[in-house]
Amino acid sequence: LDTESNPKIKFEIVVSSESWEKLTIDAVRKAAYT
């Protein structure tokens, strides 16, 4: 069965600075990576 749409989870995070942005993006990428 071919399915075009896939179920995903969306996170929305608000951070106060560019240093938090980088830290958050790095953490998410590492945790979500397969």
Full PDB file with SEQRES, HELIX, SHEET, SSBOND, CRYST1, ORIGX, SCALE, CONECT and MASTER records, all heavy atoms in Angstrom:
SEQRES   1 A   34  LEU ASP THR GLU SER ASN PRO LYS ILE LYS PHE GLU ILE          
SEQRES   2 A   34  VAL VAL SER SER GLU SER TRP GLU LYS LEU THR ILE ASP          
SEQRES   3 A   34  ALA VAL ARG LYS ALA ALA TYR THR                              
HELIX    1 AA1 GLU A   18  ALA A   32  1                                  15    
CRYST1    1.000    1.000    1.000  90.00  90.00  90.00 P 1           1          
ORIGX1      1.000000  0.000000  0.000000        0.00000                         
ORIGX2      0.000000  1.000000  0.000000        0.00000                         
ORIGX3      0.000000  0.000000  1.000000        0.00000                         
SCALE1      1.000000  0.000000  0.000000        0.00000                         
SCALE2      0.000000  1.000000  0.000000        0.00000                         
SCALE3      0.000000  0.000000  1.000000        0.00000                         
ATOM      1  N   LEU A   1       0.859  -1.177   0.000  1.00  0.00           N  
ATOM      2  CA  LEU A   1       0.000   0.000   0.000  1.00  0.00           C  
ATOM      3  C   LEU A   1       0.897   1.230   0.000  1.00  0.00           C  
ATOM      4  O   LEU A   1       1.710   1.410   0.904  1.00  0.00           O  
ATOM      5  CB  LEU A   1      -0.906   0.009   1.245  1.00  0.00           C  
ATOM      6  CG  LEU A   1      -1.789   1.228   1.450  1.00  0.00           C  
ATOM      7  CD1 LEU A   1      -2.844   1.315   0.343  1.00  0.00           C  
ATOM      8  CD2 LEU A   1      -2.459   1.178   2.798  1.00  0.00           C  
ATOM      9  N   ASP A   2       0.795   2.036  -1.048  1.00  0.00           N  
ATOM     10  CA  ASP A   2       1.577   3.265  -1.108  1.00  0.00           C  
ATOM     11  C   ASP A   2       0.828   4.365  -0.370  1.00  0.00           C  
ATOM     12  O   ASP A   2      -0.343   4.609  -0.634  1.00  0.00           O  
ATOM     13  CB  ASP A   2       1.804   3.700  -2.566  1.00  0.00           C  
ATOM     14  CG  ASP A   2       2.753   2.778  -3.291  1.00  0.00           C  
ATOM     15  OD1 ASP A   2       3.673   2.261  -2.630  1.00  0.00           O  
ATOM     16  OD2 ASP A   2       2.587   2.570  -4.504  1.00  0.00           O  
ATOM     17  N   THR A   3       1.506   5.020   0.543  1.00  0.00           N  
ATOM     18  CA  THR A   3       0.919   6.141   1.262  1.00  0.00           C  
ATOM     19  C   THR A   3       1.776   7.368   1.014  1.00  0.00           C  
ATOM     20  O   THR A   3       2.985   7.327   1.180  1.00  0.00           O  
ATOM     21  CB  THR A   3       0.838   5.866   2.773  1.00  0.00           C  
ATOM     22  OG1 THR A   3       2.136   5.533   3.251  1.00  0.00           O  
ATOM     23  CG2 THR A   3      -0.123   4.745   3.084  1.00  0.00           C  
ATOM     24  N   GLU A   4       1.147   8.436   0.576  1.00  0.00           N  
ATOM     25  CA  GLU A   4       1.899   9.654   0.282  1.00  0.00           C  
ATOM     26  C   GLU A   4       2.137  10.475   1.547  1.00  0.00           C  
ATOM     27  O   GLU A   4       3.192  11.050   1.725  1.00  0.00           O  
ATOM     28  CB  GLU A   4       1.177  10.488  -0.772  1.00  0.00           C  
ATOM     29  CG  GLU A   4       2.026  11.636  -1.250  1.00  0.00           C  
ATOM     30  CD  GLU A   4       1.511  12.253  -2.520  1.00  0.00           C  
ATOM     31  OE1 GLU A   4       1.689  11.661  -3.581  1.00  0.00           O  
ATOM     32  OE2 GLU A   4       0.935  13.349  -2.418  1.00  0.00           O  
ATOM     33  N   SER A   5       1.164  10.524   2.433  1.00  0.00           N  
ATOM     34  CA  SER A   5       1.303  11.311   3.652  1.00  0.00           C  
ATOM     35  C   SER A   5       1.710  10.407   4.807  1.00  0.00           C  
ATOM     36  O   SER A   5       1.176   9.313   4.967  1.00  0.00           O  
ATOM     37  CB  SER A   5      -0.012  12.002   3.993  1.00  0.00           C  
ATOM     38  OG  SER A   5      -0.330  12.931   2.980  1.00  0.00           O  
ATOM     39  N   ASN A   6       2.653  10.873   5.592  1.00  0.00           N  
ATOM     40  CA  ASN A   6       3.163  10.100   6.711  1.00  0.00           C  
ATOM     41  C   ASN A   6       2.854  10.793   8.025  1.00  0.00           C  
ATOM     42  O   ASN A   6       2.950  12.018   8.122  1.00  0.00           O  
ATOM     43  CB  ASN A   6       4.686   9.948   6.594  1.00  0.00           C  
ATOM     44  CG  ASN A   6       5.084   9.183   5.372  1.00  0.00           C  
ATOM     45  OD1 ASN A   6       4.550   8.122   5.102  1.00  0.00           O  
ATOM     46  ND2 ASN A   6       6.033   9.718   4.619  1.00  0.00           N  
ATOM     47  N   PRO A   7       2.528  10.027   9.061  1.00  0.00           N  
ATOM     48  CA  PRO A   7       2.328  10.636  10.374  1.00  0.00           C  
ATOM     49  C   PRO A   7       3.662  11.080  10.953  1.00  0.00           C  
ATOM     50  O   PRO A   7       4.664  10.366  10.864  1.00  0.00           O  
ATOM     51  CB  PRO A   7       1.705   9.510  11.197  1.00  0.00           C  
ATOM     52  CG  PRO A   7       2.122   8.253  10.518  1.00  0.00           C  
ATOM     53  CD  PRO A   7       2.289   8.586   9.072  1.00  0.00           C  
ATOM     54  N   LYS A   8       3.680  12.269  11.528  1.00  0.00           N  
ATOM     55  CA  LYS A   8       4.874  12.840  12.149  1.00  0.00           C  
ATOM     56  C   LYS A   8       4.467  13.538  13.440  1.00  0.00           C  
ATOM     57  O   LYS A   8       3.282  13.723  13.712  1.00  0.00           O  
ATOM     58  CB  LYS A   8       5.539  13.876  11.227  1.00  0.00           C  
ATOM     59  CG  LYS A   8       5.982  13.361   9.877  1.00  0.00           C  
ATOM     60  CD  LYS A   8       7.237  12.553   9.982  1.00  0.00           C  
ATOM     61  CE  LYS A   8       7.696  12.159   8.578  1.00  0.00           C  
ATOM     62  NZ  LYS A   8       8.960  11.487   8.605  1.00  0.00           N  
ATOM     63  N   ILE A   9       5.454  13.946  14.208  1.00  0.00           N  
ATOM     64  CA  ILE A   9       5.228  14.756  15.398  1.00  0.00           C  
ATOM     65  C   ILE A   9       5.902  16.102  15.167  1.00  0.00           C  
ATOM     66  O   ILE A   9       7.049  16.154  14.708  1.00  0.00           O  
ATOM     67  CB  ILE A   9       5.808  14.095  16.667  1.00  0.00           C  
ATOM     68  CG1 ILE A   9       5.195  12.720  16.903  1.00  0.00           C  
ATOM     69  CG2 ILE A   9       5.619  15.010  17.882  1.00  0.00           C  
ATOM     70  CD1 ILE A   9       3.709  12.726  17.193  1.00  0.00           C  
ATOM     71  N   LYS A  10       5.198  17.176  15.475  1.00  0.00           N  
ATOM     72  CA  LYS A  10       5.753  18.519  15.324  1.00  0.00           C  
ATOM     73  C   LYS A  10       5.967  19.132  16.703  1.00  0.00           C  
ATOM     74  O   LYS A  10       5.058  19.145  17.529  1.00  0.00           O  
ATOM     75  CB  LYS A  10       4.813  19.403  14.504  1.00  0.00           C  
ATOM     76  CG  LYS A  10       5.363  20.794  14.264  1.00  0.00           C  
ATOM     77  CD  LYS A  10       4.411  21.585  13.370  1.00  0.00           C  
ATOM     78  CE  LYS A  10       4.951  22.963  13.078  1.00  0.00           C  
ATOM     79  NZ  LYS A  10       4.028  23.719  12.211  1.00  0.00           N  
ATOM     80  N   PHE A  11       7.174  19.603  16.927  1.00  0.00           N  
ATOM     81  CA  PHE A  11       7.520  20.326  18.147  1.00  0.00           C  
ATOM     82  C   PHE A  11       7.629  21.804  17.809  1.00  0.00           C  
ATOM     83  O   PHE A  11       8.216  22.154  16.787  1.00  0.00           O  
ATOM     84  CB  PHE A  11       8.878  19.871  18.690  1.00  0.00           C  
ATOM     85  CG  PHE A  11       8.874  18.519  19.327  1.00  0.00           C  
ATOM     86  CD1 PHE A  11       8.989  17.373  18.570  1.00  0.00           C  
ATOM     87  CD2 PHE A  11       8.771  18.395  20.706  1.00  0.00           C  
ATOM     88  CE1 PHE A  11       9.006  16.120  19.152  1.00  0.00           C  
ATOM     89  CE2 PHE A  11       8.787  17.154  21.299  1.00  0.00           C  
ATOM     90  CZ  PHE A  11       8.898  16.004  20.523  1.00  0.00           C  
ATOM     91  N   GLU A  12       7.096  22.649  18.665  1.00  0.00           N  
ATOM     92  CA  GLU A  12       7.291  24.092  18.578  1.00  0.00           C  
ATOM     93  C   GLU A  12       7.946  24.538  19.876  1.00  0.00           C  
ATOM     94  O   GLU A  12       7.418  24.281  20.961  1.00  0.00           O  
ATOM     95  CB  GLU A  12       5.969  24.826  18.367  1.00  0.00           C  
ATOM     96  CG  GLU A  12       5.338  24.530  17.027  1.00  0.00           C  
ATOM     97  CD  GLU A  12       4.060  25.315  16.784  1.00  0.00           C  
ATOM     98  OE1 GLU A  12       3.580  26.004  17.723  1.00  0.00           O  
ATOM     99  OE2 GLU A  12       3.545  25.248  15.675  1.00  0.00           O  
ATOM    100  N   ILE A  13       9.105  25.168  19.747  1.00  0.00           N  
ATOM    101  CA  ILE A  13       9.892  25.577  20.895  1.00  0.00           C  
ATOM    102  C   ILE A  13      10.260  27.042  20.707  1.00  0.00           C  
ATOM    103  O   ILE A  13      10.690  27.433  19.625  1.00  0.00           O  
ATOM    104  CB  ILE A  13      11.186  24.746  21.000  1.00  0.00           C  
ATOM    105  CG1 ILE A  13      10.886  23.240  20.929  1.00  0.00           C  
ATOM    106  CG2 ILE A  13      11.960  25.088  22.263  1.00  0.00           C  
ATOM    107  CD1 ILE A  13      11.601  22.527  19.837  1.00  0.00           C  
ATOM    108  N   VAL A  14      10.113  27.861  21.740  1.00  0.00           N  
ATOM    109  CA  VAL A  14      10.533  29.256  21.679  1.00  0.00           C  
ATOM    110  C   VAL A  14      11.706  29.433  22.637  1.00  0.00           C  
ATOM    111  O   VAL A  14      11.625  29.043  23.806  1.00  0.00           O  
ATOM    112  CB  VAL A  14       9.382  30.217  22.041  1.00  0.00           C  
ATOM    113  CG1 VAL A  14       9.868  31.661  22.035  1.00  0.00           C  
ATOM    114  CG2 VAL A  14       8.229  30.040  21.060  1.00  0.00           C  
ATOM    115  N   VAL A  15      12.796  29.987  22.109  1.00  0.00           N  
ATOM    116  CA  VAL A  15      13.997  30.211  22.907  1.00  0.00           C  
ATOM    117  C   VAL A  15      14.357  31.694  22.886  1.00  0.00           C  
ATOM    118  O   VAL A  15      13.901  32.442  22.019  1.00  0.00           O  
ATOM    119  CB  VAL A  15      15.181  29.346  22.419  1.00  0.00           C  
ATOM    120  CG1 VAL A  15      14.870  27.867  22.607  1.00  0.00           C  
ATOM    121  CG2 VAL A  15      15.526  29.635  20.973  1.00  0.00           C  
ATOM    122  N   SER A  16      15.200  32.085  23.828  1.00  0.00           N  
ATOM    123  CA  SER A  16      15.459  33.506  24.033  1.00  0.00           C  
ATOM    124  C   SER A  16      16.647  34.060  23.260  1.00  0.00           C  
ATOM    125  O   SER A  16      16.788  35.279  23.175  1.00  0.00           O  
ATOM    126  CB  SER A  16      15.681  33.766  25.525  1.00  0.00           C  
ATOM    127  OG  SER A  16      16.768  32.989  25.994  1.00  0.00           O  
ATOM    128  N   SER A  17      17.502  33.207  22.694  1.00  0.00           N  
ATOM    129  CA  SER A  17      18.716  33.728  22.068  1.00  0.00           C  
ATOM    130  C   SER A  17      19.235  32.783  20.975  1.00  0.00           C  
ATOM    131  O   SER A  17      18.810  31.634  20.882  1.00  0.00           O  
ATOM    132  CB  SER A  17      19.815  33.908  23.117  1.00  0.00           C  
ATOM    133  OG  SER A  17      20.222  32.641  23.614  1.00  0.00           O  
ATOM    134  N   GLU A  18      20.190  33.287  20.202  1.00  0.00           N  
ATOM    135  CA  GLU A  18      20.799  32.468  19.154  1.00  0.00           C  
ATOM    136  C   GLU A  18      21.603  31.316  19.738  1.00  0.00           C  
ATOM    137  O   GLU A  18      21.674  30.240  19.136  1.00  0.00           O  
ATOM    138  CB  GLU A  18      21.674  33.332  18.248  1.00  0.00           C  
ATOM    139  CG  GLU A  18      20.862  34.259  17.365  1.00  0.00           C  
ATOM    140  CD  GLU A  18      21.719  35.130  16.465  1.00  0.00           C  
ATOM    141  OE1 GLU A  18      22.961  34.984  16.459  1.00  0.00           O  
ATOM    142  OE2 GLU A  18      21.139  35.969  15.752  1.00  0.00           O  
ATOM    143  N   SER A  19      22.196  31.495  20.906  1.00  0.00           N  
ATOM    144  CA  SER A  19      22.936  30.387  21.517  1.00  0.00           C  
ATOM    145  C   SER A  19      21.983  29.263  21.925  1.00  0.00           C  
ATOM    146  O   SER A  19      22.288  28.080  21.738  1.00  0.00           O  
ATOM    147  CB  SER A  19      23.774  30.866  22.704  1.00  0.00           C  
ATOM    148  OG  SER A  19      22.965  31.438  23.704  1.00  0.00           O  
ATOM    149  N   TRP A  20      20.797  29.619  22.441  1.00  0.00           N  
ATOM    150  CA  TRP A  20      19.785  28.607  22.754  1.00  0.00           C  
ATOM    151  C   TRP A  20      19.238  27.970  21.476  1.00  0.00           C  
ATOM    152  O   TRP A  20      18.921  26.777  21.460  1.00  0.00           O  
ATOM    153  CB  TRP A  20      18.650  29.212  23.581  1.00  0.00           C  
ATOM    154  CG  TRP A  20      18.933  29.170  25.043  1.00  0.00           C  
ATOM    155  CD1 TRP A  20      19.333  30.208  25.827  1.00  0.00           C  
ATOM    156  CD2 TRP A  20      18.859  28.032  25.891  1.00  0.00           C  
ATOM    157  NE1 TRP A  20      19.513  29.773  27.109  1.00  0.00           N  
ATOM    158  CE2 TRP A  20      19.229  28.443  27.184  1.00  0.00           C  
ATOM    159  CE3 TRP A  20      18.529  26.703  25.684  1.00  0.00           C  
ATOM    160  CZ2 TRP A  20      19.270  27.572  28.270  1.00  0.00           C  
ATOM    161  CZ3 TRP A  20      18.563  25.834  26.771  1.00  0.00           C  
ATOM    162  CH2 TRP A  20      18.928  26.264  28.031  1.00  0.00           C  
ATOM    163  N   GLU A  21      19.115  28.756  20.430  1.00  0.00           N  
ATOM    164  CA  GLU A  21      18.652  28.218  19.146  1.00  0.00           C  
ATOM    165  C   GLU A  21      19.596  27.113  18.682  1.00  0.00           C  
ATOM    166  O   GLU A  21      19.168  26.019  18.326  1.00  0.00           O  
ATOM    167  CB  GLU A  21      18.586  29.337  18.107  1.00  0.00           C  
ATOM    168  CG  GLU A  21      18.246  28.853  16.705  1.00  0.00           C  
ATOM    169  CD  GLU A  21      18.400  29.949  15.659  1.00  0.00           C  
ATOM    170  OE1 GLU A  21      19.188  30.898  15.872  1.00  0.00           O  
ATOM    171  OE2 GLU A  21      17.731  29.843  14.623  1.00  0.00           O  
ATOM    172  N   LYS A  22      20.891  27.387  18.681  1.00  0.00           N  
ATOM    173  CA  LYS A  22      21.870  26.396  18.231  1.00  0.00           C  
ATOM    174  C   LYS A  22      21.846  25.160  19.124  1.00  0.00           C  
ATOM    175  O   LYS A  22      21.828  24.024  18.628  1.00  0.00           O  
ATOM    176  CB  LYS A  22      23.273  27.000  18.210  1.00  0.00           C  
ATOM    177  CG  LYS A  22      24.333  26.017  17.746  1.00  0.00           C  
ATOM    178  CD  LYS A  22      25.696  26.631  17.650  1.00  0.00           C  
ATOM    179  CE  LYS A  22      26.791  25.685  17.235  1.00  0.00           C  
ATOM    180  NZ  LYS A  22      26.494  24.313  16.958  1.00  0.00           N  
ATOM    181  N   LEU A  23      21.824  25.356  20.436  1.00  0.00           N  
ATOM    182  CA  LEU A  23      21.790  24.246  21.383  1.00  0.00           C  
ATOM    183  C   LEU A  23      20.556  23.375  21.158  1.00  0.00           C  
ATOM    184  O   LEU A  23      20.638  22.133  21.138  1.00  0.00           O  
ATOM    185  CB  LEU A  23      21.813  24.789  22.814  1.00  0.00           C  
ATOM    186  CG  LEU A  23      21.852  23.778  23.947  1.00  0.00           C  
ATOM    187  CD1 LEU A  23      23.159  22.999  23.928  1.00  0.00           C  
ATOM    188  CD2 LEU A  23      21.680  24.493  25.279  1.00  0.00           C  
ATOM    189  N   THR A  24      19.406  24.019  20.951  1.00  0.00           N  
ATOM    190  CA  THR A  24      18.149  23.303  20.756  1.00  0.00           C  
ATOM    191  C   THR A  24      18.151  22.539  19.440  1.00  0.00           C  
ATOM    192  O   THR A  24      17.779  21.357  19.388  1.00  0.00           O  
ATOM    193  CB  THR A  24      16.961  24.281  20.815  1.00  0.00           C  
ATOM    194  OG1 THR A  24      16.995  24.965  22.070  1.00  0.00           O  
ATOM    195  CG2 THR A  24      15.634  23.565  20.653  1.00  0.00           C  
ATOM    196  N   ILE A  25      18.553  23.182  18.371  1.00  0.00           N  
ATOM    197  CA  ILE A  25      18.589  22.519  17.063  1.00  0.00           C  
ATOM    198  C   ILE A  25      19.536  21.328  17.091  1.00  0.00           C  
ATOM    199  O   ILE A  25      19.212  20.245  16.578  1.00  0.00           O  
ATOM    200  CB  ILE A  25      18.959  23.520  15.951  1.00  0.00           C  
ATOM    201  CG1 ILE A  25      17.780  24.476  15.718  1.00  0.00           C  
ATOM    202  CG2 ILE A  25      19.355  22.805  14.663  1.00  0.00           C  
ATOM    203  CD1 ILE A  25      18.081  25.630  14.779  1.00  0.00           C  
ATOM    204  N   ASP A  26      20.699  21.490  17.699  1.00  0.00           N  
ATOM    205  CA  ASP A  26      21.651  20.382  17.790  1.00  0.00           C  
ATOM    206  C   ASP A  26      21.070  19.207  18.576  1.00  0.00           C  
ATOM    207  O   ASP A  26      21.223  18.046  18.191  1.00  0.00           O  
ATOM    208  CB  ASP A  26      22.957  20.847  18.432  1.00  0.00           C  
ATOM    209  CG  ASP A  26      23.775  21.753  17.538  1.00  0.00           C  
ATOM    210  OD1 ASP A  26      23.483  21.850  16.321  1.00  0.00           O  
ATOM    211  OD2 ASP A  26      24.719  22.395  18.061  1.00  0.00           O  
ATOM    212  N   ALA A  27      20.382  19.503  19.682  1.00  0.00           N  
ATOM    213  CA  ALA A  27      19.789  18.449  20.501  1.00  0.00           C  
ATOM    214  C   ALA A  27      18.686  17.706  19.747  1.00  0.00           C  
ATOM    215  O   ALA A  27      18.612  16.473  19.787  1.00  0.00           O  
ATOM    216  CB  ALA A  27      19.238  19.038  21.801  1.00  0.00           C  
ATOM    217  N   VAL A  28      17.824  18.461  19.055  1.00  0.00           N  
ATOM    218  CA  VAL A  28      16.735  17.840  18.292  1.00  0.00           C  
ATOM    219  C   VAL A  28      17.303  16.980  17.171  1.00  0.00           C  
ATOM    220  O   VAL A  28      16.886  15.831  16.977  1.00  0.00           O  
ATOM    221  CB  VAL A  28      15.764  18.900  17.730  1.00  0.00           C  
ATOM    222  CG1 VAL A  28      14.787  18.281  16.742  1.00  0.00           C  
ATOM    223  CG2 VAL A  28      15.014  19.596  18.860  1.00  0.00           C  
ATOM    224  N   ARG A  29      18.258  17.510  16.433  1.00  0.00           N  
ATOM    225  CA  ARG A  29      18.829  16.750  15.313  1.00  0.00           C  
ATOM    226  C   ARG A  29      19.453  15.447  15.799  1.00  0.00           C  
ATOM    227  O   ARG A  29      19.221  14.394  15.217  1.00  0.00           O  
ATOM    228  CB  ARG A  29      19.864  17.565  14.558  1.00  0.00           C  
ATOM    229  CG  ARG A  29      20.395  16.782  13.359  1.00  0.00           C  
ATOM    230  CD  ARG A  29      21.354  17.592  12.509  1.00  0.00           C  
ATOM    231  NE  ARG A  29      21.665  16.866  11.300  1.00  0.00           N  
ATOM    232  CZ  ARG A  29      22.635  15.949  11.215  1.00  0.00           C  
ATOM    233  NH1 ARG A  29      23.377  15.657  12.259  1.00  0.00           N  
ATOM    234  NH2 ARG A  29      22.853  15.314  10.073  1.00  0.00           N  
ATOM    235  N   LYS A  30      20.219  15.519  16.859  1.00  0.00           N  
ATOM    236  CA  LYS A  30      20.864  14.318  17.388  1.00  0.00           C  
ATOM    237  C   LYS A  30      19.823  13.284  17.836  1.00  0.00           C  
ATOM    238  O   LYS A  30      19.942  12.096  17.554  1.00  0.00           O  
ATOM    239  CB  LYS A  30      21.779  14.681  18.546  1.00  0.00           C  
ATOM    240  CG  LYS A  30      22.534  13.520  19.114  1.00  0.00           C  
ATOM    241  CD  LYS A  30      23.478  13.941  20.226  1.00  0.00           C  
ATOM    242  CE  LYS A  30      24.180  12.730  20.818  1.00  0.00           C  
ATOM    243  NZ  LYS A  30      25.032  13.071  21.949  1.00  0.00           N  
ATOM    244  N   ALA A  31      18.777  13.742  18.517  1.00  0.00           N  
ATOM    245  CA  ALA A  31      17.756  12.830  19.039  1.00  0.00           C  
ATOM    246  C   ALA A  31      16.875  12.242  17.937  1.00  0.00           C  
ATOM    247  O   ALA A  31      16.412  11.109  18.051  1.00  0.00           O  
ATOM    248  CB  ALA A  31      16.890  13.553  20.060  1.00  0.00           C  
ATOM    249  N   ALA A  32      16.632  13.002  16.868  1.00  0.00           N  
ATOM    250  CA  ALA A  32      15.711  12.562  15.814  1.00  0.00           C  
ATOM    251  C   ALA A  32      16.399  11.789  14.686  1.00  0.00           C  
ATOM    252  O   ALA A  32      15.730  11.157  13.873  1.00  0.00           O  
ATOM    253  CB  ALA A  32      14.986  13.773  15.226  1.00  0.00           C  
ATOM    254  N   TYR A  33      17.710  11.796  14.649  1.00  0.00           N  
ATOM    255  CA  TYR A  33      18.471  11.245  13.529  1.00  0.00           C  
ATOM    256  C   TYR A  33      18.428   9.717  13.473  1.00  0.00           C  
ATOM    257  O   TYR A  33      18.674   9.040  14.468  1.00  0.00           O  
ATOM    258  CB  TYR A  33      19.931  11.692  13.628  1.00  0.00           C  
ATOM    259  CG  TYR A  33      20.802  11.152  12.528  1.00  0.00           C  
ATOM    260  CD1 TYR A  33      20.823  11.771  11.285  1.00  0.00           C  
ATOM    261  CD2 TYR A  33      21.591  10.030  12.725  1.00  0.00           C  
ATOM    262  CE1 TYR A  33      21.622  11.288  10.263  1.00  0.00           C  
ATOM    263  CE2 TYR A  33      22.388   9.531  11.715  1.00  0.00           C  
ATOM    264  CZ  TYR A  33      22.403  10.159  10.481  1.00  0.00           C  
ATOM    265  OH  TYR A  33      23.186   9.666   9.477  1.00  0.00           O  
ATOM    266  N   THR A  34      18.090   9.190  12.282  1.00  0.00           N  
ATOM    267  CA  THR A  34      18.235   7.761  12.011  1.00  0.00           C  
ATOM    268  C   THR A  34      19.147   7.536  10.808  1.00  0.00           C  
ATOM    269  O   THR A  34      19.665   6.450  10.625  1.00  0.00           O  
ATOM    270  CB  THR A  34      16.885   7.067  11.708  1.00  0.00           C  
ATOM    271  OG1 THR A  34      16.382   7.525  10.448  1.00  0.00           O  
ATOM    272  CG2 THR A  34      15.870   7.300  12.813  1.00  0.00           C  
TER     273      THR A  34                                                      
MASTER        0    0    0    1    0    0    0    6  272    1    0    3          
END                                                                             
